[in-house]
Protein backbone atom coordinates (compact mmCIF):
# COMPACT_ATOMS: atom_id res chain seq x y z
CA MET A 1 40.35 41.01 -100.61
CA ASP A 2 39.35 37.63 -101.72
CA LEU A 3 35.71 36.78 -101.08
CA ALA A 4 36.69 33.51 -99.59
CA VAL A 5 38.87 35.27 -97.06
CA VAL A 6 36.08 37.66 -96.25
CA GLY A 7 33.64 34.81 -95.81
CA LEU A 8 36.09 32.98 -93.57
CA SER A 9 36.62 36.08 -91.49
CA LEU A 10 32.91 36.61 -91.10
CA GLY A 11 32.50 32.98 -90.15
CA LEU A 12 35.19 33.24 -87.53
CA VAL A 13 33.63 36.38 -86.15
CA GLY A 14 30.25 34.68 -85.96
CA LEU A 15 31.79 31.62 -84.40
CA GLY A 16 33.54 33.76 -81.81
CA GLY A 17 30.32 35.56 -80.99
CA PHE A 18 28.55 32.25 -80.58
CA TYR A 19 31.38 31.00 -78.39
CA TRP A 20 31.24 34.01 -76.12
CA ARG A 21 27.45 33.89 -75.95
CA SER A 22 27.61 30.20 -75.17
CA ARG A 23 30.32 30.79 -72.55
CA SER A 24 28.33 33.61 -71.00
CA SER A 25 25.20 31.46 -70.93
CA ALA A 26 27.14 28.57 -69.44
CA GLN A 27 28.61 30.82 -66.76
CA THR A 28 25.14 32.13 -65.95
CA THR A 29 23.77 28.60 -65.79
CA GLU A 30 26.71 27.54 -63.63
CA ALA A 31 26.08 30.45 -61.29
CA ILE A 32 22.41 29.52 -61.06
CA LEU A 33 23.31 25.89 -60.40
CA ARG A 34 25.85 26.86 -57.76
CA SER A 35 23.27 29.10 -56.09
CA THR A 36 20.72 26.30 -56.22
CA ILE A 37 23.24 23.85 -54.80
CA ASP A 38 24.07 26.29 -52.00
CA ASP A 39 20.35 26.68 -51.28
CA LEU A 40 19.93 22.92 -51.24
CA LYS A 41 22.91 22.53 -48.89
CA GLN A 42 21.46 25.17 -46.59
CA THR A 43 18.08 23.45 -46.71
CA GLN A 44 19.77 20.12 -45.97
CA SER A 45 21.64 21.68 -43.05
CA ASN A 46 18.42 23.19 -41.70
CA LEU A 47 16.61 19.86 -42.05
CA GLU A 48 19.47 18.02 -40.30
CA GLN A 49 19.35 20.52 -37.45
CA LYS A 50 15.58 20.13 -37.19
CA LEU A 51 16.01 16.36 -37.22
CA GLU A 52 18.61 16.53 -34.45
CA THR A 53 16.33 18.84 -32.45
CA THR A 54 13.36 16.51 -33.02
CA ILE A 55 15.41 13.47 -31.95
CA SER A 56 16.70 15.32 -28.90
CA ASP A 57 13.18 16.43 -27.99
CA TRP A 58 11.90 12.88 -28.48
CA GLN A 59 14.68 11.46 -26.31
CA THR A 60 13.94 14.09 -23.68
CA SER A 61 10.25 13.22 -23.92
CA GLN A 62 11.05 9.53 -23.49
CA ARG A 63 13.20 10.26 -20.44
CA GLU A 64 10.48 12.44 -18.98
CA LYS A 65 7.93 9.71 -19.71
CA ALA A 66 10.12 7.11 -18.02
CA ALA A 67 10.61 9.42 -15.02
CA LEU A 68 6.85 10.00 -14.78
CA GLU A 69 6.21 6.26 -14.95
CA VAL A 70 8.67 5.73 -12.09
CA GLN A 71 6.96 8.45 -10.05
CA ILE A 72 3.53 6.97 -10.76
CA GLU A 73 4.73 3.53 -9.64
CA GLU A 74 6.22 5.04 -6.48
CA PHE A 75 2.93 6.83 -5.78
CA LYS A 76 1.05 3.55 -6.26
CA GLN A 77 3.34 1.75 -3.83
CA GLN A 78 3.05 4.63 -1.37
CA CYS A 79 -0.75 4.46 -1.61
CA VAL A 80 -0.62 0.71 -0.92
CA ARG A 81 1.62 1.31 2.11
CA LEU A 82 -0.59 4.10 3.40
CA ARG A 83 -3.71 1.97 2.90
CA SER A 84 -2.07 -0.88 4.78
CA GLN A 85 -0.98 1.49 7.56
CA LEU A 86 -4.49 2.94 7.79
CA GLU A 87 -6.03 -0.52 7.95
CA THR A 88 -3.53 -1.56 10.61
CA GLN A 89 -4.08 1.66 12.53
CA PHE A 90 -7.85 1.28 12.28
CA SER A 91 -7.65 -2.31 13.47
CA GLN A 92 -5.34 -1.33 16.32
CA THR A 93 -7.55 1.60 17.26
CA GLN A 94 -10.58 -0.68 17.26
CA GLN A 95 -8.78 -3.22 19.42
CA ASP A 96 -7.60 -0.50 21.79
CA SER A 97 -11.15 0.81 22.07
CA GLU A 98 -12.43 -2.67 22.83
CA ILE A 99 -9.69 -3.20 25.41
CA LYS A 100 -10.50 0.11 27.11
CA ALA A 101 -14.20 -0.75 27.15
CA PHE A 102 -13.35 -4.19 28.51
CA GLU A 103 -11.23 -2.66 31.26
CA GLN A 104 -14.17 -0.52 32.32
CA ILE A 105 -16.37 -3.57 32.92
CA GLN A 106 -13.64 -6.11 33.64
CA SER A 107 -14.65 -6.58 37.27
CA LEU A 108 -18.26 -7.27 36.30
CA LEU A 109 -17.31 -9.63 33.47
CA THR A 110 -14.97 -11.71 35.61
CA GLN A 111 -17.38 -11.98 38.57
CA TYR A 112 -20.79 -12.36 36.99
CA PRO A 113 -20.23 -15.93 35.65
CA SER A 114 -19.44 -17.06 39.21
CA VAL A 115 -22.45 -15.20 40.56
CA ARG A 116 -24.63 -16.82 37.92
CA ARG A 117 -23.20 -20.26 38.70
CA MET A 118 -24.00 -19.79 42.37
CA ALA A 119 -27.49 -18.50 41.58
CA GLU A 120 -28.17 -21.47 39.32
CA SER A 121 -27.07 -23.91 42.01
CA LYS A 122 -29.37 -22.39 44.64
CA ALA A 123 -32.97 -22.33 43.56
CA ASP A 124 -34.02 -20.22 46.56
CA LEU A 125 -31.48 -17.47 45.89
CA PRO A 126 -33.26 -14.19 44.94
CA ALA A 127 -30.53 -13.32 42.45
CA ARG A 128 -31.63 -16.29 40.31
CA ASN A 129 -34.30 -14.07 38.76
CA LEU A 130 -31.60 -11.68 37.47
CA ILE A 131 -29.68 -14.26 35.40
CA GLY A 132 -31.45 -13.30 32.16
CA MET A 133 -30.24 -9.73 32.51
CA PHE A 134 -26.64 -10.82 31.89
CA THR A 135 -27.32 -12.31 28.46
CA ALA A 136 -26.32 -9.01 26.88
CA LEU A 137 -22.85 -9.36 28.39
CA ASP A 138 -22.46 -12.81 26.83
CA ASN A 139 -23.49 -11.39 23.47
CA LEU A 140 -21.02 -8.52 23.83
CA MET A 141 -18.16 -10.95 24.44
CA LYS A 142 -19.14 -12.93 21.35
CA PHE A 143 -19.34 -9.72 19.29
CA TRP A 144 -15.84 -8.73 20.35
CA GLY A 145 -14.57 -12.24 19.70
CA TYR A 146 -13.37 -12.72 23.28
CA GLN A 147 -13.17 -16.20 24.79
CA THR A 148 -13.48 -17.06 28.46
CA ILE A 149 -10.60 -18.80 30.23
CA GLY A 150 -12.18 -21.58 32.28
CA GLN A 151 -15.65 -21.89 33.78
CA PRO A 152 -16.72 -21.03 37.35
CA TRP A 153 -15.79 -23.77 39.85
CA GLU A 154 -14.21 -25.85 37.08
CA GLN A 155 -11.30 -28.05 38.14
CA THR A 156 -8.24 -27.64 35.95
CA LYS A 157 -4.43 -27.74 35.89
CA PHE A 158 -2.68 -24.58 37.00
CA ASP A 159 -1.09 -22.73 34.08
CA PRO A 160 0.70 -19.50 35.04
CA GLN A 161 0.11 -18.18 31.50
CA LEU A 162 -3.67 -18.46 31.91
CA HIS A 163 -4.29 -18.41 35.64
CA GLN A 164 -3.67 -16.17 38.63
CA GLY A 165 -3.55 -18.01 41.93
CA ASP A 166 -4.83 -16.73 45.25
CA VAL A 167 -1.53 -17.89 46.79
CA SER A 168 2.01 -17.60 45.52
CA ASP A 169 3.11 -21.22 45.98
CA LEU A 170 0.99 -22.77 43.22
CA VAL A 171 3.07 -24.83 40.79
CA PRO A 172 2.33 -25.53 37.11
CA GLY A 173 0.18 -28.64 36.66
CA GLU A 174 -1.26 -28.51 40.17
CA SER A 175 -4.98 -29.18 40.44
CA VAL A 176 -6.92 -25.95 41.07
CA TYR A 177 -10.46 -24.60 40.84
CA VAL A 178 -11.56 -21.58 38.81
CA ARG A 179 -13.00 -18.97 41.15
CA PHE A 180 -13.47 -16.29 38.50
CA VAL A 181 -13.12 -16.72 34.73
CA GLY A 182 -10.51 -14.93 32.66
CA TYR A 183 -10.70 -13.61 29.09
CA ARG A 184 -8.49 -13.82 26.02
CA SER A 185 -8.53 -12.32 22.55
CA ARG A 186 -6.87 -14.79 20.19
CA ASP A 187 -3.34 -15.20 21.63
CA ARG A 188 -3.60 -12.15 23.88
CA ILE A 189 -4.52 -12.69 27.51
CA LEU A 190 -6.78 -9.84 28.59
CA VAL A 191 -7.18 -11.00 32.17
CA PRO A 192 -6.12 -14.36 33.67
CA ALA A 193 -8.64 -16.60 35.41
CA LYS A 194 -8.55 -16.42 39.22
CA VAL A 195 -7.89 -19.89 40.65
CA SER A 196 -7.62 -21.48 44.08
CA ARG A 197 -6.82 -24.88 45.57
CA THR A 198 -10.30 -24.98 47.09
CA LEU A 199 -13.83 -24.03 46.06
CA PRO A 200 -15.58 -21.13 47.79
CA ALA A 201 -17.75 -22.02 50.77
CA GLY A 202 -21.06 -23.54 49.74
CA ALA A 203 -19.96 -24.20 46.14
CA THR A 204 -20.28 -27.62 44.55
CA SER A 205 -18.15 -28.67 41.57
C-alpha cells in the first residue's frame, strides 16, 4: 500500500475521531445549555408567580387599608354625633332639672316679689324685716338665667303670650296691672305673669 494512501487513511480516521468527539462535546454542551435554559425558564416562571402574588397581596393590602380608613372615618363621625347627643342630652337634662326645681318653688317665686313690694310700701309692716331673706331667691334666678315677666303692680299692655288674666274677657293691648310676676327662660315661658284690670286693695302703682 502506498504510504501516501496510508497517511491519508490515518488522517481521515483521526479527522473522523475528532469530528465525533467534537459532536459528542457539542451535544453535551447543548444538553447542558438546554437544561440551564429550562432552569432559567422555571426560575422566571416562579419569579413571575411570586410577582403576581406580591402584587395581589399589595392590592389586597391597599383595599384593606382603604376599608380601614373608611371605618376609622365612620367611627370619628359617630364619635362626633355621640358627643353632640351627649352634650344635648346633658343640656336638656340640666334644663329639665332646673324646670323641676322651679316648679317646686314656683308659687313662692311668683308671689314673693309682690309681697316684697307691699312690704317696701308699708314701713310699719312687720314683714319688711324679712325682705333681705329673699335675696338668695334673686341670686338663684340669675344663676339659672331666668328673667322675670313684669314687675309687681306694674301697668302694662295685656299680651296673652306673657300674661294670664284673672278674667277671661281681657283683650290683647288692654291696659292691665301685674299682680304676680312671671318667669321665662330665653324664648320659653315658664309661667306667665298674673295680671288684672285693677291693683289689689291698698296697693299704689
